[in-house]
Every structure is written in structure tokens, then in C-alpha cells.
Amino acid sequence: MDFNLSPYYNSTPLSFTDAQSTLKLTYRSTLLYSEIGRKPFTGLDPIGIRKPKTIGLIKNPEEPIVNSTVDHITLDAEGLVLNNDGTCVFKALQARTFR
């Protein structure tokens, strides 16, 4: 992400709209992570647990999810580590490795 800050030096208060123009953000790229089946992860705080399940040859353990109606695995991007082999590790809510 690139950002451009244009400081405002006058003493007259800016309107909200004018104040917004003092900081411009430009998204350059992003990585979207998803679980098997392309269901996206979320950064919301978990209040539920998904029971262990097997998908093909992959056995998944219990996983933190948003709640019983929003079945998305919750991850904390602050704990993200990208490995050279294409895996990534999230370590805040639970120690897990994803590929």
C-alpha cells in the first residue's frame, strides 16, 4: 500500500470531506487466503469452534470460526509468516500451517 500525506497547516477547521483529502491510500496488491473449497478466511474474532473433519485425504483439526452461522476460519494476520515453500503460518489464535 502506498500513502500520500498532505499536511494541513491552517488553523481553520476542515470539513470531514476536505480532511479526507489530506491522506490518500493506494492499494498495490493483496493476497487472499482461503481454505479448501475456496472459502475465504476472516479476521473477525472467533466465538465458535468447527468440529474436526476430513476432506479427501486431509484431516483438519478443530478450527476457530466466527460463530455457528458464519462458518469461516478466523485468522490473525498480525501473526502471518510466509514460508519459501508456499506455506503460511498463523500463530495468534492457534499454531497452524496452511498451504
Protein backbone atom coordinates (compact mmCIF):
# COMPACT_ATOMS: atom_id res chain seq x y z
CA MET A 1 0.00 0.00 0.00
CA ASP A 2 1.21 3.48 -0.80
CA PHE A 3 0.05 6.51 1.07
CA ASN A 4 0.40 10.20 0.40
CA LEU A 5 0.01 12.60 3.32
CA SER A 6 -0.73 16.27 2.57
CA PRO A 7 -0.45 18.12 5.90
CA TYR A 8 -2.90 20.92 6.61
CA TYR A 9 -1.22 23.86 8.36
CA ASN A 10 -4.05 26.40 8.69
CA SER A 11 -5.90 26.93 11.96
CA THR A 12 -9.38 26.89 10.40
CA PRO A 13 -11.05 23.51 10.94
CA LEU A 14 -11.52 21.39 7.84
CA SER A 15 -14.79 19.75 6.91
CA PHE A 16 -14.76 15.97 7.03
CA THR A 17 -14.69 15.79 3.22
CA ASP A 18 -11.76 18.21 2.99
CA ALA A 19 -9.91 16.41 5.77
CA GLN A 20 -10.24 13.12 3.87
CA SER A 21 -8.23 14.60 1.00
CA THR A 22 -5.18 15.07 3.24
CA LEU A 23 -4.48 11.32 3.21
CA LYS A 24 -4.65 9.24 0.03
CA LEU A 25 -4.20 5.47 0.12
CA THR A 26 -3.40 3.37 -2.93
CA TYR A 27 -3.64 -0.42 -2.71
CA ARG A 28 -0.94 -2.01 -4.88
CA SER A 29 -1.69 -5.68 -4.33
CA THR A 30 -3.03 -8.15 -1.82
CA LEU A 31 -3.00 -11.87 -1.08
CA LEU A 32 -6.35 -13.51 -0.47
CA TYR A 33 -6.14 -16.69 1.56
CA SER A 34 -8.83 -19.33 1.54
CA GLU A 35 -9.40 -22.81 2.84
CA ILE A 36 -10.19 -25.91 0.81
CA GLY A 37 -13.13 -25.15 -1.47
CA ARG A 38 -12.04 -21.50 -1.81
CA LYS A 39 -13.99 -20.39 1.29
CA PRO A 40 -12.19 -17.20 2.39
CA PHE A 41 -10.65 -16.80 5.82
CA THR A 42 -11.74 -13.90 8.01
CA GLY A 43 -10.06 -11.67 10.56
CA LEU A 44 -13.12 -11.46 12.80
CA ASP A 45 -12.78 -12.62 16.39
CA PRO A 46 -13.88 -16.23 16.83
CA ILE A 47 -16.63 -17.21 19.22
CA GLY A 48 -17.18 -20.68 17.80
CA ILE A 49 -15.27 -23.87 17.09
CA ARG A 50 -15.66 -26.01 13.95
CA LYS A 51 -15.56 -29.71 14.70
CA PRO A 52 -12.71 -31.76 13.15
CA LYS A 53 -13.49 -33.01 9.65
CA THR A 54 -11.80 -34.92 6.87
CA ILE A 55 -11.79 -33.60 3.29
CA GLY A 56 -10.35 -36.17 0.92
CA LEU A 57 -7.05 -37.26 2.45
CA ILE A 58 -6.73 -34.13 4.58
CA LYS A 59 -7.84 -34.36 8.21
CA ASN A 60 -8.50 -30.93 9.69
CA PRO A 61 -8.44 -30.40 13.48
CA GLU A 62 -10.85 -28.21 15.44
CA GLU A 63 -10.70 -24.71 14.00
CA PRO A 64 -11.80 -21.33 15.34
CA ILE A 65 -14.74 -19.90 13.39
CA VAL A 66 -16.75 -16.70 13.68
CA ASN A 67 -19.87 -18.43 15.01
CA SER A 68 -22.28 -21.23 14.14
CA THR A 69 -23.90 -19.23 11.31
CA VAL A 70 -20.69 -17.75 9.82
CA ASP A 71 -18.53 -20.82 9.20
CA HIS A 72 -15.29 -19.09 8.17
CA ILE A 73 -11.95 -19.91 9.81
CA THR A 74 -10.65 -16.91 11.70
CA LEU A 75 -7.00 -15.96 11.33
CA ASP A 76 -4.92 -13.19 12.80
CA ALA A 77 -2.87 -11.58 10.02
CA GLU A 78 -0.57 -9.97 12.58
CA GLY A 79 0.86 -13.43 13.18
CA LEU A 80 1.35 -14.21 9.49
CA VAL A 81 4.61 -15.76 8.35
CA LEU A 82 5.11 -16.59 4.66
CA ASN A 83 7.48 -19.50 4.01
CA ASN A 84 9.58 -20.05 0.87
CA ASP A 85 7.75 -23.32 0.11
CA GLY A 86 4.41 -21.56 -0.35
CA THR A 87 3.00 -22.34 3.09
CA CYS A 88 1.96 -19.72 5.58
CA VAL A 89 1.72 -19.90 9.33
CA PHE A 90 -0.72 -18.01 11.55
CA LYS A 91 0.22 -18.12 15.19
CA ALA A 92 -2.02 -15.79 17.22
CA LEU A 93 -5.24 -17.76 17.64
CA GLN A 94 -3.67 -21.16 17.08
CA ALA A 95 -0.45 -22.55 15.68
CA ARG A 96 -1.41 -23.77 12.20
CA THR A 97 0.31 -24.16 8.84
CA PHE A 98 -1.64 -23.66 5.61
CA ARG A 99 -0.64 -24.33 2.01
